[in-house]
Protein backbone atom coordinates (compact mmCIF):
# COMPACT_ATOMS: atom_id res chain seq x y z
CA UNK A 1 120.81 -94.90 38.58
CA UNK A 2 118.20 -92.23 38.18
CA UNK A 3 116.02 -94.70 36.25
CA UNK A 4 116.65 -92.91 33.26
CA UNK A 5 117.92 -94.65 29.86
CA UNK A 6 119.11 -93.65 26.34
CA UNK A 7 118.05 -95.62 23.49
CA UNK A 8 119.80 -95.48 20.06
CA UNK A 9 118.28 -97.79 17.27
CA UNK A 10 120.77 -99.55 14.77
CA UNK A 11 121.18 -98.44 11.34
CA UNK A 12 118.18 -100.48 10.01
CA UNK A 13 115.86 -98.63 12.23
CA UNK A 14 117.51 -95.44 12.78
CA UNK A 15 115.09 -93.39 10.61
CA UNK A 16 111.91 -94.38 12.35
CA UNK A 17 109.70 -91.98 14.57
CA UNK A 18 106.70 -92.95 16.66
CA UNK A 19 105.73 -94.99 19.43
CA UNK A 20 107.98 -97.34 21.21
CA UNK A 21 107.82 -99.36 24.13
CA UNK A 22 110.90 -100.53 26.56
CA UNK A 23 110.76 -103.71 28.58
CA UNK A 24 113.22 -104.34 31.64
CA UNK A 25 113.14 -107.68 32.96
CA UNK A 26 115.53 -109.27 35.56
CA UNK A 27 118.70 -111.14 33.51
CA UNK A 28 120.19 -112.59 36.50
CA UNK A 29 117.66 -113.97 38.80
CA UNK A 30 120.22 -115.32 41.16
CA UNK A 31 121.75 -111.61 41.71
CA UNK A 32 120.28 -110.47 45.17
CA UNK A 33 120.23 -106.90 44.59
CA UNK A 34 118.80 -105.26 41.36
CA UNK A 35 117.70 -102.16 43.08
CA UNK A 36 117.43 -100.36 46.39
CA UNK A 37 113.86 -100.41 48.37
CA UNK A 38 113.54 -96.77 49.74
CA UNK A 39 111.12 -98.73 52.10
CA UNK A 40 113.92 -100.99 54.02
CA UNK A 41 117.06 -99.23 52.41
CA UNK A 42 118.11 -102.76 51.13
CA UNK A 43 119.04 -104.22 47.86
CA UNK A 44 116.29 -106.40 46.50
CA UNK A 45 116.05 -108.62 43.78
CA UNK A 46 113.79 -107.65 40.64
CA UNK A 47 112.77 -111.22 40.17
CA UNK A 48 109.85 -111.88 38.03
CA UNK A 49 108.97 -108.17 38.15
CA UNK A 50 108.74 -106.46 34.84
CA UNK A 51 109.06 -102.54 34.23
CA UNK A 52 107.96 -101.04 31.02
CA UNK A 53 107.79 -97.46 29.57
CA UNK A 54 106.20 -96.22 26.67
CA UNK A 55 107.21 -93.02 24.59
CA UNK A 56 107.35 -91.57 21.19
CA UNK A 57 110.21 -91.12 19.02
CA UNK A 58 110.34 -87.53 17.85
CA UNK A 59 113.89 -87.38 16.54
CA UNK A 60 115.24 -90.21 14.20
CA UNK A 61 117.31 -92.98 16.03
CA UNK A 62 117.66 -91.92 19.60
CA UNK A 63 115.73 -90.83 22.55
CA UNK A 64 115.97 -91.03 26.34
CA UNK A 65 113.21 -92.27 28.75
CA UNK A 66 112.31 -93.00 32.19
CA UNK A 67 111.51 -96.56 33.27
CA UNK A 68 110.00 -96.45 36.80
CA UNK A 69 107.09 -97.94 38.19
CA UNK A 70 105.11 -94.77 37.38
CA UNK A 71 106.23 -95.50 33.67
CA UNK A 72 104.60 -99.34 34.11
CA UNK A 73 101.48 -98.00 35.65
CA UNK A 74 101.19 -95.43 32.56
CA UNK A 75 101.77 -98.67 30.11
CA UNK A 76 98.78 -100.31 31.93
CA UNK A 77 96.79 -97.01 31.23
CA UNK A 78 97.68 -96.94 27.66
CA UNK A 79 96.73 -100.43 27.05
CA UNK A 80 93.34 -100.71 28.97
CA UNK A 81 90.70 -102.32 26.96
CA UNK A 82 93.00 -104.32 24.36
CA UNK A 83 93.81 -108.07 24.73
CA UNK A 84 97.11 -108.00 23.15
CA UNK A 85 99.61 -106.81 25.82
CA UNK A 86 102.74 -107.27 23.82
CA UNK A 87 100.97 -104.66 21.19
CA UNK A 88 102.86 -100.99 21.34
CA UNK A 89 99.83 -98.53 22.42
CA UNK A 90 99.06 -95.75 19.74
CA UNK A 91 100.94 -92.58 20.07
CA UNK A 92 97.82 -90.53 21.64
CA UNK A 93 97.39 -93.23 23.99
CA UNK A 94 100.73 -93.07 25.40
CA UNK A 95 100.87 -89.39 25.36
CA UNK A 96 97.61 -89.40 27.41
CA UNK A 97 98.44 -91.95 29.93
CA UNK A 98 102.09 -90.60 30.66
CA UNK A 99 100.53 -87.37 31.45
CA UNK A 100 97.57 -88.60 33.32
CA UNK A 101 99.55 -90.42 35.80
CA UNK A 102 102.01 -87.62 36.04
CA UNK A 103 99.03 -85.47 37.14
CA UNK A 104 97.64 -88.26 39.65
CA UNK A 105 100.66 -88.29 41.65
CA UNK A 106 101.05 -84.79 42.31
CA UNK A 107 103.92 -84.50 39.46
CA UNK A 108 102.32 -81.61 37.92
CA UNK A 109 99.87 -80.70 35.28
CA UNK A 110 102.30 -80.38 32.45
CA UNK A 111 104.59 -83.49 33.22
CA UNK A 112 105.18 -86.86 31.52
CA UNK A 113 106.31 -89.75 33.68
CA UNK A 114 108.60 -90.91 30.96
CA UNK A 115 110.65 -87.39 30.38
CA UNK A 116 110.11 -85.67 34.00
CA UNK A 117 113.25 -85.57 36.09
CA UNK A 118 113.57 -88.66 38.14
CA UNK A 119 115.56 -88.77 41.70
CA UNK A 120 115.47 -90.97 44.47
CA UNK A 121 115.75 -90.41 48.04
CA UNK A 122 119.21 -92.45 47.65
CA UNK A 123 120.70 -89.94 45.51
CA UNK A 124 123.88 -88.06 46.85
CA UNK A 125 122.64 -84.77 45.82
CA UNK A 126 119.08 -85.48 46.89
CA UNK A 127 117.92 -82.37 48.77
CA UNK A 128 114.99 -82.91 50.70
CA UNK A 129 113.86 -79.28 50.72
CA UNK A 130 114.09 -78.78 47.02
CA UNK A 131 110.41 -78.68 45.30
CA UNK A 132 111.44 -79.50 41.74
CA UNK A 133 109.63 -82.22 39.72
CA UNK A 134 112.30 -84.56 40.65
CA UNK A 135 112.23 -84.39 44.07
CA UNK A 136 108.25 -84.94 43.92
CA UNK A 137 108.93 -88.07 41.85
CA UNK A 138 111.25 -89.44 44.88
CA UNK A 139 108.53 -88.87 47.09
CA UNK A 140 106.23 -91.11 45.02
CA UNK A 141 108.60 -93.87 44.57
CA UNK A 142 109.56 -93.98 48.13
CA UNK A 143 105.73 -94.20 49.19
CA UNK A 144 105.09 -96.86 46.40
CA UNK A 145 108.02 -99.23 47.96
CA UNK A 146 106.16 -98.51 51.46
CA UNK A 147 102.69 -99.61 49.48
CA UNK A 148 104.86 -102.63 48.48
CA UNK A 149 106.30 -103.66 51.99
CA UNK A 150 102.67 -103.62 53.20
CA UNK A 151 101.50 -106.19 50.62
CA UNK A 152 101.20 -109.91 51.49
CA UNK A 153 101.38 -111.32 47.91
CA UNK A 154 104.78 -112.93 48.49
CA UNK A 155 108.35 -112.04 47.46
CA UNK A 156 109.39 -108.15 46.44
CA UNK A 157 108.20 -108.85 42.78
CA UNK A 158 104.99 -110.01 43.76
CA UNK A 159 104.35 -107.38 46.43
CA UNK A 160 105.28 -104.84 43.71
CA UNK A 161 102.93 -106.30 41.09
CA UNK A 162 100.10 -106.50 43.83
CA UNK A 163 100.47 -102.70 44.19
CA UNK A 164 100.46 -102.16 40.46
CA UNK A 165 97.41 -103.90 39.92
CA UNK A 166 95.74 -102.09 42.84
CA UNK A 167 96.67 -98.78 41.44
CA UNK A 168 96.27 -99.76 37.74
CA UNK A 169 92.68 -100.83 38.13
CA UNK A 170 91.68 -97.26 39.18
CA UNK A 171 93.08 -95.72 36.27
CA UNK A 172 91.18 -98.37 33.84
CA UNK A 173 87.80 -98.69 35.72
CA UNK A 174 87.03 -94.93 36.77
CA UNK A 175 87.81 -92.90 33.53
CA UNK A 176 85.89 -89.86 35.01
CA UNK A 177 88.02 -89.47 37.80
CA UNK A 178 91.23 -90.92 36.03
CA UNK A 179 93.62 -87.65 36.71
CA UNK A 180 92.99 -88.12 40.39
CA UNK A 181 93.70 -91.06 42.65
CA UNK A 182 91.02 -92.30 44.53
CA UNK A 183 90.67 -91.36 48.69
CA UNK A 184 91.46 -94.90 49.26
CA UNK A 185 94.44 -94.98 47.20
CA UNK A 186 95.66 -91.88 48.60
CA UNK A 187 95.33 -93.23 51.81
CA UNK A 188 97.54 -96.16 50.79
CA UNK A 189 99.96 -94.09 49.18
CA UNK A 190 100.38 -91.79 52.41
CA UNK A 191 100.60 -94.96 54.52
CA UNK A 192 103.32 -96.14 52.15
CA UNK A 193 105.16 -92.73 53.08
CA UNK A 194 104.84 -93.16 56.75
CA UNK A 195 106.51 -96.66 56.38
CA UNK A 196 109.14 -95.58 54.06
CA UNK A 197 109.91 -92.20 56.78
CA UNK A 198 112.37 -93.78 58.42
CA UNK A 199 114.79 -95.11 55.52
CA UNK A 200 114.31 -91.23 54.24
CA UNK A 201 115.27 -89.77 57.61
CA UNK A 202 118.23 -91.58 57.64
CA UNK A 203 119.58 -91.05 54.21
CA UNK A 204 118.54 -87.48 54.05
CA UNK A 205 120.39 -86.96 57.62
CA UNK A 206 117.22 -85.04 59.21
CA UNK A 207 114.99 -86.01 61.93
CA UNK A 208 112.35 -83.54 61.04
CA UNK A 209 111.13 -84.22 57.55
CA UNK A 210 107.40 -85.12 56.97
CA UNK A 211 107.15 -87.37 53.89
CA UNK A 212 103.72 -88.15 53.95
CA UNK A 213 102.74 -84.02 54.58
CA UNK A 214 105.39 -83.12 51.43
CA UNK A 215 103.64 -85.85 49.47
CA UNK A 216 99.91 -84.81 50.63
CA UNK A 217 100.82 -81.34 49.60
CA UNK A 218 101.95 -82.01 46.05
CA UNK A 219 98.74 -84.21 45.25
CA UNK A 220 96.84 -81.37 46.81
CA UNK A 221 98.34 -78.85 44.56
CA UNK A 222 97.72 -80.70 41.20
CA UNK A 223 94.13 -81.77 42.26
CA UNK A 224 91.51 -79.68 40.82
CA UNK A 225 87.86 -79.62 40.33
CA UNK A 226 85.48 -77.67 38.22
CA UNK A 227 82.60 -78.22 40.18
CA UNK A 228 83.57 -78.27 44.11
CA UNK A 229 86.74 -77.55 46.01
CA UNK A 230 88.70 -80.67 47.47
CA UNK A 231 90.05 -80.39 50.80
CA UNK A 232 93.24 -82.60 52.06
CA UNK A 233 93.93 -81.81 55.61
CA UNK A 234 96.78 -83.48 57.85
CA UNK A 235 97.53 -83.83 61.39
CA UNK A 236 101.20 -83.69 62.10
CA UNK A 237 103.62 -83.75 65.32
CA UNK A 238 106.88 -82.47 65.25
CA UNK A 239 107.57 -83.55 68.71
CA UNK A 240 106.69 -87.00 70.04
CA UNK A 241 103.11 -88.19 70.19
CA UNK A 242 99.78 -87.60 68.04
CA UNK A 243 96.99 -86.24 70.18
CA UNK A 244 99.48 -84.15 72.75
CA UNK A 245 99.06 -80.75 73.12
CA UNK A 246 101.30 -78.76 69.88
CA UNK A 247 100.01 -80.87 67.40
CA UNK A 248 99.29 -78.94 64.39
CA UNK A 249 96.20 -79.92 61.91
CA UNK A 250 96.83 -78.69 58.55
CA UNK A 251 94.05 -77.98 55.89
CA UNK A 252 94.78 -77.99 52.04
CA UNK A 253 92.51 -76.65 49.50
CA UNK A 254 92.87 -76.79 45.82
CA UNK A 255 90.57 -73.68 45.54
CA UNK A 256 90.88 -70.50 47.93
CA UNK A 257 88.97 -70.40 51.03
CA UNK A 258 88.46 -66.79 51.85
CA UNK A 259 87.80 -67.43 55.84
CA UNK A 260 88.17 -70.29 57.84
CA UNK A 261 87.38 -70.43 61.63
CA UNK A 262 87.79 -72.83 64.55
CA UNK A 263 83.71 -72.76 64.70
CA UNK A 264 83.69 -73.82 61.33
CA UNK A 265 85.33 -77.35 62.36
CA UNK A 266 83.79 -79.84 64.97
CA UNK A 267 84.71 -82.96 66.85
CA UNK A 268 82.79 -86.14 67.26
CA UNK A 269 84.27 -86.03 70.95
CA UNK A 270 83.38 -82.69 72.29
CA UNK A 271 86.57 -82.84 74.32
CA UNK A 272 88.67 -81.99 71.50
CA UNK A 273 88.93 -78.52 70.34
CA UNK A 274 91.19 -76.30 68.03
CA UNK A 275 92.97 -72.63 68.57
CA UNK A 276 94.85 -70.10 66.52
CA UNK A 277 93.29 -70.88 63.15
CA UNK A 278 95.96 -69.48 60.65
CA UNK A 279 96.12 -68.93 57.18
CA UNK A 280 99.59 -69.94 56.03
CA UNK A 281 99.45 -68.39 52.42
CA UNK A 282 98.48 -65.47 50.40
CA UNK A 283 95.52 -67.21 48.58
CA UNK A 284 93.64 -69.03 51.39
CA UNK A 285 94.42 -72.94 50.39
CA UNK A 286 96.50 -73.60 53.35
CA UNK A 287 95.42 -72.89 57.00
CA UNK A 288 96.36 -74.57 60.03
CA UNK A 289 95.28 -74.83 63.76
CA UNK A 290 96.50 -76.21 66.94
CA UNK A 291 94.68 -79.26 68.26
CA UNK A 292 93.78 -79.05 72.07
CA UNK A 293 93.06 -82.85 72.88
CA UNK A 294 91.55 -84.09 76.40
CA UNK A 295 94.38 -85.93 78.66
CA UNK A 296 95.95 -89.11 77.46
CA UNK A 297 93.94 -89.27 74.15
CA UNK A 298 93.72 -92.47 72.26
CA UNK A 299 91.07 -94.12 70.27
CA UNK A 300 89.46 -92.20 67.22
CA UNK A 301 87.70 -89.15 66.90
CA UNK A 302 85.95 -87.70 63.40
CA UNK A 303 86.62 -84.05 62.35
CA UNK A 304 83.88 -82.58 60.58
CA UNK A 305 83.55 -79.16 58.53
CA UNK A 306 80.01 -77.73 59.21
CA UNK A 307 79.91 -74.35 57.23
CA UNK A 308 76.98 -74.75 55.17
CA UNK A 309 77.95 -72.02 52.89
CA UNK A 310 80.65 -74.26 51.28
CA UNK A 311 79.09 -75.91 48.39
CA UNK A 312 80.15 -79.33 48.19
CA UNK A 313 82.59 -79.23 51.10
CA UNK A 314 80.88 -81.21 53.62
CA UNK A 315 84.05 -83.22 54.60
CA UNK A 316 84.60 -85.74 57.49
CA UNK A 317 87.41 -87.94 58.71
CA UNK A 318 88.14 -90.69 61.10
CA UNK A 319 91.34 -90.12 62.90
CA UNK A 320 93.48 -92.39 64.90
CA UNK A 321 95.24 -90.41 67.85
CA UNK A 322 97.11 -93.13 69.47
CA UNK A 323 100.67 -92.05 69.90
CA UNK A 324 103.46 -93.47 67.36
CA UNK A 325 106.72 -94.56 68.70
CA UNK A 326 108.38 -91.54 66.73
CA UNK A 327 107.42 -88.40 65.26
CA UNK A 328 104.91 -89.35 62.45
CA UNK A 329 101.77 -87.94 60.95
CA UNK A 330 98.35 -88.99 60.38
CA UNK A 331 96.65 -88.15 57.12
CA UNK A 332 93.23 -86.92 56.72
CA UNK A 333 91.89 -87.59 53.30
CA UNK A 334 89.14 -85.95 51.08
CA UNK A 335 85.99 -87.16 50.84
CA UNK A 336 85.10 -87.02 46.87
CA UNK A 337 82.27 -84.65 45.41
CA UNK A 338 79.90 -87.47 45.26
CA UNK A 339 80.56 -88.91 48.49
CA UNK A 340 80.90 -86.14 50.84
CA UNK A 341 80.42 -88.17 54.08
CA UNK A 342 83.45 -90.74 53.46
CA UNK A 343 85.84 -91.44 56.15
CA UNK A 344 89.47 -92.27 56.20
CA UNK A 345 92.75 -92.17 58.24
CA UNK A 346 96.36 -93.46 58.10
CA UNK A 347 98.54 -93.54 60.78
CA UNK A 348 102.13 -95.10 62.07
CA UNK A 349 101.02 -96.37 65.78
């Protein structure tokens, strides 16, 4: 199943056009396997979890619509401020919420969570090298499953609901940043991607795929700001341990940076350094450098940009460099324009 459903109204309503909401619930609570969890690869009971999707019928009688955790999140965004949760939101609210959630999770600026192509990492035809919106949707769903597995709310349904409430609260309480995820939520999402990575590697038949890095890139590519550039950085290891020689540090900007030098970056522990700063694209939004750590690096180190010519770009991250048990990634997250001193880091140790 690809989470896409066709709806055809019967003769009494086949001329209806306008807002519509689909509600999916578990019809057989005793059935132990309703869907496959990307974090574990196991079949999971939907239980008390409810997934909804709100869309607009533009042609009489029939439409196709996705029903996913992102569409449920969009419904909650569209219903913000109302106490009647059974009421179908307005057409304008639905359109705005579906597009807002799609953009925040990196699906694209012109996408809609209910109509965008949906893939999952379990699809037989799934290609991790594909960069289409369907593959981007798959990375998000896998990461959200990983976030669910880190919750301690109870069973799978309770954990999924806890994740949904956490993400929905951001959209409904911070309208000024509604089209972008907060630094904390990006951190949770990338941590979830790290959790789901072993399952994804198994289904994709590869040992080099870095789900968190791919997800970080799509979020960075979609995020934008008129006032100051946002930076998304990540540390990856293709061999064994983060903190070992050969570890690559990648910096992703949503605006072009004309020149980036190793001298623009400092470490809280001066035993660390960077070499071979390289621009990876034509626009200057993607850079990489090689990390040179001290022997047997463990603990935490802070990476800072110190170029005073970058207005709004004073970025700092806390980084855990304890080696993970398998090739994984540590994600360094962007400070916001209003809190440039924020620290954040995610690792699988």
